[in-house]
């Protein structure tokens, strides 16, 4: 059996911002009635976090809960604990109408960090990324150049970006171009 690898295979770029492959990451799409006590309890049991509010992300120790839509979350966990996390969700939601699917190998996960992280992402996404408008814990699904992407900002100022695996090279290249040395615009710096 072959060994799992990320589509970017550890790629890293240093420029106005650091663009880095985040490595193998467990990702589970959970669909259901997010306001129900059963879903809230299941998420808490599975990854130790609450259900986030609209357009928010909650982070824990190696886990995250991301609001994707009114009835959908993306749960982040260790790559090697996806089966166990799915089993926990299945057991906790027995009898409920829900869907929990492992999407780990269908997505890629990157970090954008450093002083130019906001500016780099702002060059590609139609989102107000000023420090006053986009604060830690906020989450957005949007377009990044020509592809769909989702990202959130953590307390340390690092953006976490997820996109489809099939466009990983394009996403990485677009981010590297936007972070090229000498390309500072000075809007979010």
C-alpha atoms as a PDB file:
ATOM      1  CA  UNK A   1       0.000   0.000   0.000  1.00  0.00           C
ATOM      2  CA  UNK A   2       1.307   3.457  -0.823  1.00  0.00           C
ATOM      3  CA  UNK A   3       1.976   6.064   1.802  1.00  0.00           C
ATOM      4  CA  UNK A   4      -0.257   9.155   1.974  1.00  0.00           C
ATOM      5  CA  UNK A   5       1.345  12.451   0.957  1.00  0.00           C
ATOM      6  CA  UNK A   6       0.046  15.958   0.577  1.00  0.00           C
ATOM      7  CA  UNK A   7      -0.286  17.332  -2.942  1.00  0.00           C
ATOM      8  CA  UNK A   8       2.340  19.980  -2.102  1.00  0.00           C
ATOM      9  CA  UNK A   9       4.709  17.463  -0.503  1.00  0.00           C
ATOM     10  CA  UNK A  10       6.076  19.891   2.112  1.00  0.00           C
ATOM     11  CA  UNK A  11       6.444  22.908  -0.204  1.00  0.00           C
ATOM     12  CA  UNK A  12       7.419  26.201   1.404  1.00  0.00           C
ATOM     13  CA  UNK A  13       8.010  29.724   0.070  1.00  0.00           C
ATOM     14  CA  UNK A  14       9.534  32.730   1.838  1.00  0.00           C
ATOM     15  CA  UNK A  15       8.720  36.204   0.566  1.00  0.00           C
ATOM     16  CA  UNK A  16       6.445  38.985   1.804  1.00  0.00           C
ATOM     17  CA  UNK A  17       4.766  36.133   3.657  1.00  0.00           C
ATOM     18  CA  UNK A  18       5.632  32.512   4.303  1.00  0.00           C
ATOM     19  CA  UNK A  19       3.472  30.064   2.357  1.00  0.00           C
ATOM     20  CA  UNK A  20       3.753  26.523   3.722  1.00  0.00           C
ATOM     21  CA  UNK A  21       2.161  23.136   3.195  1.00  0.00           C
ATOM     22  CA  UNK A  22       0.547  22.265   6.544  1.00  0.00           C
ATOM     23  CA  UNK A  23       1.103  18.523   6.098  1.00  0.00           C
ATOM     24  CA  UNK A  24      -1.342  15.644   6.252  1.00  0.00           C
ATOM     25  CA  UNK A  25      -4.448  16.807   8.090  1.00  0.00           C
ATOM     26  CA  UNK A  26      -7.656  15.011   8.955  1.00  0.00           C
ATOM     27  CA  UNK A  27     -10.779  16.727   7.619  1.00  0.00           C
ATOM     28  CA  UNK A  28     -14.366  15.630   8.148  1.00  0.00           C
ATOM     29  CA  UNK A  29     -17.416  17.235   6.588  1.00  0.00           C
ATOM     30  CA  UNK A  30     -20.290  17.106   9.062  1.00  0.00           C
ATOM     31  CA  UNK A  31     -23.775  18.021   7.868  1.00  0.00           C
ATOM     32  CA  UNK A  32     -26.781  18.204  10.140  1.00  0.00           C
ATOM     33  CA  UNK A  33     -28.829  20.491  12.343  1.00  0.00           C
ATOM     34  CA  UNK A  34     -25.992  22.517  13.876  1.00  0.00           C
ATOM     35  CA  UNK A  35     -28.228  24.085  16.527  1.00  0.00           C
ATOM     36  CA  UNK A  36     -29.331  20.709  17.903  1.00  0.00           C
ATOM     37  CA  UNK A  37     -28.048  19.591  21.274  1.00  0.00           C
ATOM     38  CA  UNK A  38     -27.108  16.234  19.716  1.00  0.00           C
ATOM     39  CA  UNK A  39     -24.809  17.760  17.072  1.00  0.00           C
ATOM     40  CA  UNK A  40     -23.272  20.140  19.615  1.00  0.00           C
ATOM     41  CA  UNK A  41     -22.586  17.244  21.997  1.00  0.00           C
ATOM     42  CA  UNK A  42     -21.199  15.057  19.189  1.00  0.00           C
ATOM     43  CA  UNK A  43     -18.742  17.737  18.016  1.00  0.00           C
ATOM     44  CA  UNK A  44     -17.652  18.351  21.613  1.00  0.00           C
ATOM     45  CA  UNK A  45     -17.104  14.625  22.175  1.00  0.00           C
ATOM     46  CA  UNK A  46     -15.337  14.056  18.840  1.00  0.00           C
ATOM     47  CA  UNK A  47     -12.879  16.991  18.800  1.00  0.00           C
ATOM     48  CA  UNK A  48     -13.369  18.796  22.118  1.00  0.00           C
ATOM     49  CA  UNK A  49     -14.801  21.994  20.614  1.00  0.00           C
ATOM     50  CA  UNK A  50     -18.163  23.745  20.436  1.00  0.00           C
ATOM     51  CA  UNK A  51     -20.049  24.363  17.202  1.00  0.00           C
ATOM     52  CA  UNK A  52     -18.764  27.711  15.907  1.00  0.00           C
ATOM     53  CA  UNK A  53     -21.027  30.659  15.157  1.00  0.00           C
ATOM     54  CA  UNK A  54     -21.708  31.745  11.581  1.00  0.00           C
ATOM     55  CA  UNK A  55     -18.486  32.542   9.639  1.00  0.00           C
ATOM     56  CA  UNK A  56     -16.327  31.565  12.629  1.00  0.00           C
ATOM     57  CA  UNK A  57     -13.605  29.028  13.369  1.00  0.00           C
ATOM     58  CA  UNK A  58     -12.781  27.488  16.723  1.00  0.00           C
ATOM     59  CA  UNK A  59      -9.368  25.931  17.312  1.00  0.00           C
ATOM     60  CA  UNK A  60      -8.159  23.442  19.899  1.00  0.00           C
ATOM     61  CA  UNK A  61      -5.113  21.251  20.404  1.00  0.00           C
ATOM     62  CA  UNK A  62      -4.630  19.968  16.860  1.00  0.00           C
ATOM     63  CA  UNK A  63      -8.335  20.331  16.121  1.00  0.00           C
ATOM     64  CA  UNK A  64     -10.640  22.943  14.636  1.00  0.00           C
ATOM     65  CA  UNK A  65     -14.341  23.362  13.911  1.00  0.00           C
ATOM     66  CA  UNK A  66     -15.091  25.549  10.895  1.00  0.00           C
ATOM     67  CA  UNK A  67     -18.519  26.960   9.984  1.00  0.00           C
ATOM     68  CA  UNK A  68     -19.071  26.140   6.312  1.00  0.00           C
ATOM     69  CA  UNK A  69     -22.821  26.836   5.943  1.00  0.00           C
ATOM     70  CA  UNK A  70     -25.985  26.816   8.090  1.00  0.00           C
ATOM     71  CA  UNK A  71     -25.971  23.004   8.114  1.00  0.00           C
ATOM     72  CA  UNK A  72     -22.300  22.147   7.565  1.00  0.00           C
ATOM     73  CA  UNK A  73     -19.058  22.112   9.538  1.00  0.00           C
ATOM     74  CA  UNK A  74     -15.564  21.105   8.541  1.00  0.00           C
ATOM     75  CA  UNK A  75     -13.860  19.367  11.446  1.00  0.00           C
ATOM     76  CA  UNK A  76     -10.064  19.278  11.579  1.00  0.00           C
ATOM     77  CA  UNK A  77      -8.224  16.543  13.468  1.00  0.00           C
ATOM     78  CA  UNK A  78      -5.049  14.504  13.232  1.00  0.00           C
ATOM     79  CA  UNK A  79      -4.820  12.640   9.931  1.00  0.00           C
ATOM     80  CA  UNK A  80      -4.390   9.296  11.674  1.00  0.00           C
ATOM     81  CA  UNK A  81      -7.407   9.816  13.963  1.00  0.00           C
ATOM     82  CA  UNK A  82     -10.061  10.415  11.284  1.00  0.00           C
ATOM     83  CA  UNK A  83     -11.542   6.894  11.529  1.00  0.00           C
ATOM     84  CA  UNK A  84     -11.799   7.160  15.314  1.00  0.00           C
ATOM     85  CA  UNK A  85     -13.341  10.652  15.090  1.00  0.00           C
ATOM     86  CA  UNK A  86     -15.880   9.452  12.511  1.00  0.00           C
ATOM     87  CA  UNK A  87     -16.780   6.499  14.742  1.00  0.00           C
ATOM     88  CA  UNK A  88     -17.313   8.872  17.672  1.00  0.00           C
ATOM     89  CA  UNK A  89     -19.598  11.080  15.550  1.00  0.00           C
ATOM     90  CA  UNK A  90     -21.524   8.068  14.209  1.00  0.00           C
ATOM     91  CA  UNK A  91     -22.129   6.735  17.712  1.00  0.00           C
ATOM     92  CA  UNK A  92     -23.027  10.121  19.205  1.00  0.00           C
ATOM     93  CA  UNK A  93     -25.456  10.942  16.365  1.00  0.00           C
ATOM     94  CA  UNK A  94     -27.127   7.524  16.099  1.00  0.00           C
ATOM     95  CA  UNK A  95     -30.802   8.096  15.259  1.00  0.00           C
ATOM     96  CA  UNK A  96     -30.192  11.656  14.010  1.00  0.00           C
ATOM     97  CA  UNK A  97     -30.302  12.863  10.405  1.00  0.00           C
ATOM     98  CA  UNK A  98     -26.647  13.687   9.606  1.00  0.00           C
ATOM     99  CA  UNK A  99     -23.757  13.035   7.247  1.00  0.00           C
ATOM    100  CA  UNK A 100     -20.118  12.685   8.324  1.00  0.00           C
ATOM    101  CA  UNK A 101     -17.540  12.038   5.592  1.00  0.00           C
ATOM    102  CA  UNK A 102     -13.749  11.856   5.510  1.00  0.00           C
ATOM    103  CA  UNK A 103     -12.579  14.486   2.986  1.00  0.00           C
ATOM    104  CA  UNK A 104      -8.937  14.565   4.115  1.00  0.00           C
ATOM    105  CA  UNK A 105      -7.466  13.344   0.849  1.00  0.00           C
ATOM    106  CA  UNK A 106      -9.711  15.584  -1.268  1.00  0.00           C
ATOM    107  CA  UNK A 107      -8.336  18.804   0.236  1.00  0.00           C
ATOM    108  CA  UNK A 108      -5.021  20.532   0.789  1.00  0.00           C
ATOM    109  CA  UNK A 109      -4.144  22.696   3.751  1.00  0.00           C
ATOM    110  CA  UNK A 110      -1.664  25.601   3.822  1.00  0.00           C
ATOM    111  CA  UNK A 111      -0.485  28.276   6.243  1.00  0.00           C
ATOM    112  CA  UNK A 112       0.157  31.904   5.270  1.00  0.00           C
ATOM    113  CA  UNK A 113       2.141  33.707   7.945  1.00  0.00           C
ATOM    114  CA  UNK A 114       4.422  36.645   8.534  1.00  0.00           C
ATOM    115  CA  UNK A 115       4.075  40.414   8.264  1.00  0.00           C
ATOM    116  CA  UNK A 116       2.779  40.268   4.687  1.00  0.00           C
ATOM    117  CA  UNK A 117       0.189  37.512   5.218  1.00  0.00           C
ATOM    118  CA  UNK A 118      -2.845  39.829   5.085  1.00  0.00           C
ATOM    119  CA  UNK A 119      -1.592  41.638   2.012  1.00  0.00           C
ATOM    120  CA  UNK A 120      -0.720  38.395   0.224  1.00  0.00           C
ATOM    121  CA  UNK A 121      -4.184  36.941   0.727  1.00  0.00           C
ATOM    122  CA  UNK A 122      -5.905  40.285   0.023  1.00  0.00           C
ATOM    123  CA  UNK A 123      -4.305  40.397  -3.440  1.00  0.00           C
ATOM    124  CA  UNK A 124      -6.183  37.212  -4.338  1.00  0.00           C
ATOM    125  CA  UNK A 125      -9.460  37.257  -2.391  1.00  0.00           C
ATOM    126  CA  UNK A 126     -12.433  39.657  -2.468  1.00  0.00           C
ATOM    127  CA  UNK A 127     -12.513  39.934   1.325  1.00  0.00           C
ATOM    128  CA  UNK A 128     -11.726  42.940   3.521  1.00  0.00           C
ATOM    129  CA  UNK A 129      -8.657  41.644   5.335  1.00  0.00           C
ATOM    130  CA  UNK A 130      -7.830  44.821   7.255  1.00  0.00           C
ATOM    131  CA  UNK A 131      -7.028  44.155  10.913  1.00  0.00           C
ATOM    132  CA  UNK A 132     -10.253  45.862  12.015  1.00  0.00           C
ATOM    133  CA  UNK A 133     -12.484  43.927   9.602  1.00  0.00           C
ATOM    134  CA  UNK A 134     -10.945  40.434   9.757  1.00  0.00           C
ATOM    135  CA  UNK A 135     -10.006  39.370  13.264  1.00  0.00           C
ATOM    136  CA  UNK A 136      -8.775  36.075  14.772  1.00  0.00           C
ATOM    137  CA  UNK A 137     -11.414  33.380  14.693  1.00  0.00           C
ATOM    138  CA  UNK A 138     -13.117  34.703  11.573  1.00  0.00           C
ATOM    139  CA  UNK A 139     -13.672  32.240   8.729  1.00  0.00           C
ATOM    140  CA  UNK A 140     -14.484  32.819   5.066  1.00  0.00           C
ATOM    141  CA  UNK A 141     -15.375  30.692   2.077  1.00  0.00           C
ATOM    142  CA  UNK A 142     -14.557  32.693  -1.028  1.00  0.00           C
ATOM    143  CA  UNK A 143     -12.713  32.791  -4.324  1.00  0.00           C
ATOM    144  CA  UNK A 144      -8.947  32.936  -4.347  1.00  0.00           C
ATOM    145  CA  UNK A 145      -8.035  34.075  -7.857  1.00  0.00           C
ATOM    146  CA  UNK A 146      -9.790  31.439 -10.005  1.00  0.00           C
ATOM    147  CA  UNK A 147     -10.541  28.790  -7.363  1.00  0.00           C
ATOM    148  CA  UNK A 148     -12.803  28.261  -4.361  1.00  0.00           C
ATOM    149  CA  UNK A 149     -10.963  28.407  -1.037  1.00  0.00           C
ATOM    150  CA  UNK A 150     -11.685  28.806   2.656  1.00  0.00           C
ATOM    151  CA  UNK A 151      -9.510  30.373   5.333  1.00  0.00           C
ATOM    152  CA  UNK A 152      -9.407  31.530   8.924  1.00  0.00           C
ATOM    153  CA  UNK A 153      -7.058  33.573  11.078  1.00  0.00           C
ATOM    154  CA  UNK A 154      -5.617  32.298  14.341  1.00  0.00           C
ATOM    155  CA  UNK A 155      -4.565  34.284  17.413  1.00  0.00           C
ATOM    156  CA  UNK A 156      -0.920  34.277  16.288  1.00  0.00           C
ATOM    157  CA  UNK A 157      -1.724  35.995  12.983  1.00  0.00           C
ATOM    158  CA  UNK A 158      -1.404  32.924  10.772  1.00  0.00           C
ATOM    159  CA  UNK A 159      -3.984  32.304   8.075  1.00  0.00           C
ATOM    160  CA  UNK A 160      -5.049  28.686   7.560  1.00  0.00           C
ATOM    161  CA  UNK A 161      -6.210  27.999   4.009  1.00  0.00           C
ATOM    162  CA  UNK A 162      -8.038  24.976   2.615  1.00  0.00           C
ATOM    163  CA  UNK A 163      -8.759  24.278  -1.043  1.00  0.00           C
ATOM    164  CA  UNK A 164      -9.414  21.268  -3.226  1.00  0.00           C
ATOM    165  CA  UNK A 165      -6.461  18.939  -3.729  1.00  0.00           C
ATOM    166  CA  UNK A 166      -6.856  19.171  -7.509  1.00  0.00           C
ATOM    167  CA  UNK A 167      -5.946  22.888  -7.447  1.00  0.00           C
ATOM    168  CA  UNK A 168      -3.195  22.746  -4.812  1.00  0.00           C
ATOM    169  CA  UNK A 169      -0.374  23.614  -7.220  1.00  0.00           C
ATOM    170  CA  UNK A 170      -2.348  26.530  -8.654  1.00  0.00           C
ATOM    171  CA  UNK A 171      -3.214  27.842  -5.156  1.00  0.00           C
ATOM    172  CA  UNK A 172       0.381  27.549  -3.956  1.00  0.00           C
ATOM    173  CA  UNK A 173       1.705  29.265  -7.096  1.00  0.00           C
ATOM    174  CA  UNK A 174      -0.820  32.109  -6.856  1.00  0.00           C
ATOM    175  CA  UNK A 175       0.068  32.667  -3.198  1.00  0.00           C
ATOM    176  CA  UNK A 176       3.801  32.614  -3.987  1.00  0.00           C
ATOM    177  CA  UNK A 177       3.297  35.170  -6.778  1.00  0.00           C
ATOM    178  CA  UNK A 178       1.282  37.409  -4.434  1.00  0.00           C
ATOM    179  CA  UNK A 179       4.020  37.093  -1.793  1.00  0.00           C
ATOM    180  CA  UNK A 180       6.930  37.691  -4.202  1.00  0.00           C
ATOM    181  CA  UNK A 181       9.669  39.902  -2.764  1.00  0.00           C
ATOM    182  CA  UNK A 182       9.353  43.454  -4.016  1.00  0.00           C
ATOM    183  CA  UNK A 183       5.605  43.119  -4.545  1.00  0.00           C
ATOM    184  CA  UNK A 184       4.432  44.878  -1.394  1.00  0.00           C
ATOM    185  CA  UNK A 185       1.531  47.238  -1.909  1.00  0.00           C
ATOM    186  CA  UNK A 186       1.573  48.505   1.662  1.00  0.00           C
ATOM    187  CA  UNK A 187      -2.164  48.336   2.287  1.00  0.00           C
ATOM    188  CA  UNK A 188      -2.207  45.822   5.146  1.00  0.00           C
ATOM    189  CA  UNK A 189       1.422  46.066   6.296  1.00  0.00           C
END
